[in-house]
Amino acid sequence: MSDVHIVGAGLSKFGRQDGVTGRQMAVTAIRTALADAGLQWSDVQIAFGGSDSSGLADTLVADLGLTGIPFTNVKNGCATGGSALVSAVNAIRSGAAEVALAVGFDKHPRGAFDPKPEEWGLTEGYGTHGLMVTTQFFAMKITRYMARHGISETTLARVAEKAYRNGSINPNAWRRDPKTLEEVLASPMVNDPLTQFMFCNPGEGGAAILLASESVAARMGGRAVAVRAVSTGTRPFGTFEVFAPSVQGEGEPSSVSTEVARRAFETAGVSPSDIDVAQLQDTESGAEIMHLAECGFCEDGEQEGMLERGETEIGGRLPVNTDGGCLANGEPIGASGLRQVYEIVTQLRGEAGERQVPGDPRLGFTHVYGAPGISACTVLERGRR
C-alpha cells in the first residue's frame, strides 16, 4: 500500500471540555490536519468518519463547507477510526479520489459505558448478571493471563506509570499528572487486580487524518508518511472477547488482534521486530501487556522482563504509547484509533518534541481493539525528508 500517503494529521485537545461539543472537536481536528497538509477543505474529494455518541460525521460539512463531497458515516466501535482510515485508503487505491479524509470524534458522558445486551446479539440475562460490565471482563482476562504467564501486579502498575509519565509531556493529553508506581498500586480497586489508575476513562476528543495518492504526495514535499498496511477484522471462532458469552472450541482461546496484526505485517512485508514505535490499545494496563504478545512483539510472559528493563519506554527497544495511550488521553471511541495514527505520524516525522523516540524511527504500528471482538491495525513508514 505504498501508493497511499498521510499528508496531514490533526487533533483536538483530549479530556473533559465543558462547553465544547464533539462536533466542534472534530472540526478543530480537521482544520488542524488541513493546515498541516497545506490544503483547503475544497481540496478534499471524499471523506469517511464517525463517532459513537456525538452525532453523524457527514453533517460536519455544515461547518467545513458545502462542497458536495461524498461523506460516509462509519460506526464500528473502538475500530471506528481505523475503519474510516481503511475506507479512505481504499478510495484512493481504487482511483475514486486523490485526497481523502478520515475523521473520528466523541464526547462521552461521565461514568462507565452502559451498553445494552440486545444491541450486541446477547440476551437480556447477560446484562442482568453483570456481564456487560467491561471492567469485569478485562479483570477476568488479565487475572487468567497473569496466572498462566507469571505477570505481577507490579508489571500492571508499570504500564500505568509509563502512560501517565508520557501523558505529562503530551500537550494534547487529558491526564498530565505523572503518577508513581506506588500511587497506581494504592489507588482504589475497581475490579481485582485492576485499580482505578490502571483504567482509562470514556473521554472527549477529535482526530483527523488526510491521505493522498502518491502523485499528490510527491508534489507536497517530504513530510508525507506512507501507509504500508491497514487491516481490520472481527472475531473468528475460538477467540474470547469482550461480551463473549463463552470460550468456544478447544485449546487456548486466541484474540481477533492476533490475526489482524498478522495480516498487517504480512501486507507490509515486515515483521514485528522491524517496528520502531508502536501504539497498542490500553483500555486498561492488562490490555497493553496482552496486546504486546497478541500482536507478535513478544512471547507470552516475556512482558514482565520487558517492562522491568524499560524496553517499552520512549528510549527503549520498542517504545509503546508514547503519547500516554488511552490511560492518559481517555477513550473517545470514534477518535482513539486516529489519535494513535496521529502520534505515529508525528514520531516518524521527528516532530514529537519531548516525547520524541530517538534514533530516527522509520516504521510505526498502531492497534485498536474493542467489543465484541473487533480490531484494526496499521503499519506506517517514514517518508523522505
Foldseek 3Di string as FASTA:
>chain_A
DQQKWWQFKFKAFKFDDPPAAQLNQQVRGVVRRCVSNVHAPLQAAEEEFEFDPRDFPVVSCVVRHPNVHHYYYADDWLCRQLVRVVVQVVCVVVVVHFKYKYKFWFADDFDDDDDQQVVQVHDNVCVVVPLLRQVQVLQVVLVVLCVVQVADVLLLLLLLQQLQPLQLLFPRWHRNDHDDSVRLCPADCDHPPGHPLQAFTAITMMMMIMMGGNVVSVVRDFLIKGFLFKFKDFDDQQAQFRVDPDRGDDDDGAALLLVRLVVQCVSSVHALLLFAEEEEARNGSSRVLVSCVSNPVDPRNCSNVCSVVPQCHLAHSYPYNSNSHCSGRPPRSRHRQNVRVSVVSCQLSQNSPPSHRPDNGFKYKYKDADPPGMMMMTIMGRGGD
